[in-house]
């Protein structure tokens, strides 16, 4: 899902709805999705969220009220949002946005299962990250 598949639907309109916290995306195949900011944030394709391989995903919590403070285009294939919690390293391809919209109910159910399995509430604050380099950021390879 990292890139744009040949022949895949492309966005015809993208609207940020700050009040309702959704990104509305209308695609060339006629589909329109209202993707909650929280869903985008918890399924961000960034390494900070997804890890560097299977089983390394970081369960995101406390994102119910996250806002989208900026949305920048990335070439002709994606957008890069900046969220109110400072997260800005996820690049959302058109394929990924379509997938989030089309599979929203399934993704919410999977998220709720992960929360239950971890014994964590959706609104719990994120657990403190281990200090890797003293800079408070993502430190690949420092374990």
Protein backbone atom coordinates (compact mmCIF):
# COMPACT_ATOMS: atom_id res chain seq x y z
CA UNK A 1 0.00 0.00 0.00
CA UNK A 2 2.98 2.31 -0.03
CA UNK A 3 2.44 3.65 -3.54
CA UNK A 4 -0.23 4.26 -6.09
CA UNK A 5 -1.40 1.15 -7.93
CA UNK A 6 -1.91 1.53 -11.67
CA UNK A 7 -5.57 2.13 -12.43
CA UNK A 8 -6.47 2.68 -8.77
CA UNK A 9 -8.96 5.43 -7.93
CA UNK A 10 -7.42 8.83 -7.33
CA UNK A 11 -8.73 11.67 -5.15
CA UNK A 12 -10.86 14.25 -6.90
CA UNK A 13 -11.43 16.27 -3.73
CA UNK A 14 -9.92 16.39 -0.26
CA UNK A 15 -11.60 18.42 2.48
CA UNK A 16 -10.44 18.79 6.08
CA UNK A 17 -13.41 19.08 8.44
CA UNK A 18 -11.87 20.39 11.66
CA UNK A 19 -15.09 20.57 13.68
CA UNK A 20 -16.05 16.93 13.08
CA UNK A 21 -12.41 15.78 12.88
CA UNK A 22 -12.68 13.94 9.57
CA UNK A 23 -10.85 14.05 6.26
CA UNK A 24 -13.36 13.79 3.43
CA UNK A 25 -11.89 12.28 0.28
CA UNK A 26 -13.83 11.89 -2.97
CA UNK A 27 -12.32 9.41 -5.41
CA UNK A 28 -12.47 9.06 -9.19
CA UNK A 29 -14.60 5.89 -8.94
CA UNK A 30 -17.36 7.85 -7.18
CA UNK A 31 -16.53 6.64 -3.66
CA UNK A 32 -16.42 9.29 -0.94
CA UNK A 33 -15.05 8.55 2.52
CA UNK A 34 -15.10 10.57 5.73
CA UNK A 35 -12.01 9.26 7.50
CA UNK A 36 -11.74 10.20 11.19
CA UNK A 37 -8.47 11.89 12.16
CA UNK A 38 -8.17 9.40 15.02
CA UNK A 39 -8.30 6.46 12.59
CA UNK A 40 -5.62 8.08 10.42
CA UNK A 41 -3.44 8.70 13.45
CA UNK A 42 -3.70 5.20 14.93
CA UNK A 43 -3.06 3.58 11.54
CA UNK A 44 -0.34 6.00 10.43
CA UNK A 45 2.07 4.27 8.04
CA UNK A 46 5.07 5.76 9.85
CA UNK A 47 7.75 3.60 11.45
CA UNK A 48 6.91 5.30 14.77
CA UNK A 49 3.50 3.58 14.65
CA UNK A 50 4.07 0.53 12.42
CA UNK A 51 7.56 -0.38 13.65
CA UNK A 52 10.11 -1.88 11.30
CA UNK A 53 8.46 -5.24 10.78
CA UNK A 54 5.60 -7.52 11.79
CA UNK A 55 4.93 -7.55 15.51
CA UNK A 56 6.67 -4.21 16.12
CA UNK A 57 3.55 -2.06 15.83
CA UNK A 58 3.06 0.48 18.62
CA UNK A 59 -0.50 0.56 19.94
CA UNK A 60 -1.71 4.15 19.80
CA UNK A 61 -3.96 5.45 22.58
CA UNK A 62 -5.31 8.81 23.66
CA UNK A 63 -5.90 9.95 20.07
CA UNK A 64 -9.70 10.42 20.14
CA UNK A 65 -9.44 14.23 20.07
CA UNK A 66 -6.40 14.52 17.81
CA UNK A 67 -6.71 17.26 15.22
CA UNK A 68 -5.22 17.69 11.78
CA UNK A 69 -3.21 20.91 11.90
CA UNK A 70 -1.61 20.68 8.44
CA UNK A 71 -1.91 18.58 5.29
CA UNK A 72 0.78 18.77 2.63
CA UNK A 73 0.83 17.10 -0.79
CA UNK A 74 3.59 14.57 -1.50
CA UNK A 75 4.14 14.43 -5.24
CA UNK A 76 1.07 13.23 -7.10
CA UNK A 77 0.54 10.15 -4.97
CA UNK A 78 0.04 11.06 -1.30
CA UNK A 79 -0.48 13.59 1.48
CA UNK A 80 1.48 14.10 4.69
CA UNK A 81 -0.60 15.24 7.66
CA UNK A 82 0.62 16.93 10.80
CA UNK A 83 -1.47 16.03 13.82
CA UNK A 84 -2.02 18.12 16.95
CA UNK A 85 0.06 15.65 19.02
CA UNK A 86 3.09 16.51 16.87
CA UNK A 87 3.05 13.33 14.76
CA UNK A 88 4.01 14.24 11.20
CA UNK A 89 6.03 11.36 9.76
CA UNK A 90 3.25 9.34 8.10
CA UNK A 91 2.80 9.61 4.34
CA UNK A 92 -0.70 8.57 3.28
CA UNK A 93 -0.80 7.34 -0.32
CA UNK A 94 -4.05 7.50 -2.25
CA UNK A 95 -4.25 3.68 -1.92
CA UNK A 96 -3.93 3.91 1.86
CA UNK A 97 -6.58 6.63 2.17
CA UNK A 98 -8.94 4.55 0.03
CA UNK A 99 -8.22 1.47 2.15
CA UNK A 100 -8.81 3.37 5.42
CA UNK A 101 -12.14 4.64 4.10
CA UNK A 102 -13.31 1.37 2.60
CA UNK A 103 -12.30 -0.74 5.60
CA UNK A 104 -13.11 1.74 8.39
CA UNK A 105 -15.47 -0.59 10.34
CA UNK A 106 -13.05 -3.52 10.08
CA UNK A 107 -10.09 -1.36 11.15
CA UNK A 108 -11.99 0.02 14.17
CA UNK A 109 -12.90 -3.55 15.22
CA UNK A 110 -9.26 -4.66 14.91
CA UNK A 111 -8.14 -1.64 16.94
CA UNK A 112 -10.67 -2.40 19.69
CA UNK A 113 -9.43 -6.01 19.78
CA UNK A 114 -5.82 -4.84 20.13
CA UNK A 115 -6.83 -2.48 22.94
CA UNK A 116 -8.68 -5.28 24.75
CA UNK A 117 -5.78 -7.70 24.31
CA UNK A 118 -3.40 -5.12 25.78
CA UNK A 119 -5.79 -4.28 28.61
CA UNK A 120 -5.63 -0.62 27.64
CA UNK A 121 -8.39 1.97 27.26
CA UNK A 122 -8.72 3.91 24.00
CA UNK A 123 -8.38 7.19 25.88
CA UNK A 124 -5.41 6.17 28.03
CA UNK A 125 -2.37 8.39 27.57
CA UNK A 126 0.41 6.88 25.49
CA UNK A 127 2.95 4.96 27.54
CA UNK A 128 6.27 6.72 27.93
CA UNK A 129 8.74 5.76 25.25
CA UNK A 130 12.09 4.48 26.43
CA UNK A 131 14.72 7.17 26.08
CA UNK A 132 16.82 6.12 23.12
CA UNK A 133 19.11 9.02 22.48
CA UNK A 134 18.01 11.75 24.81
CA UNK A 135 16.38 13.60 21.95
CA UNK A 136 12.91 12.15 22.52
CA UNK A 137 12.55 11.10 18.89
CA UNK A 138 12.60 7.92 16.91
CA UNK A 139 15.92 6.11 17.14
CA UNK A 140 16.24 3.22 14.72
CA UNK A 141 18.65 0.53 15.78
CA UNK A 142 19.05 1.71 19.36
CA UNK A 143 17.66 -1.12 21.45
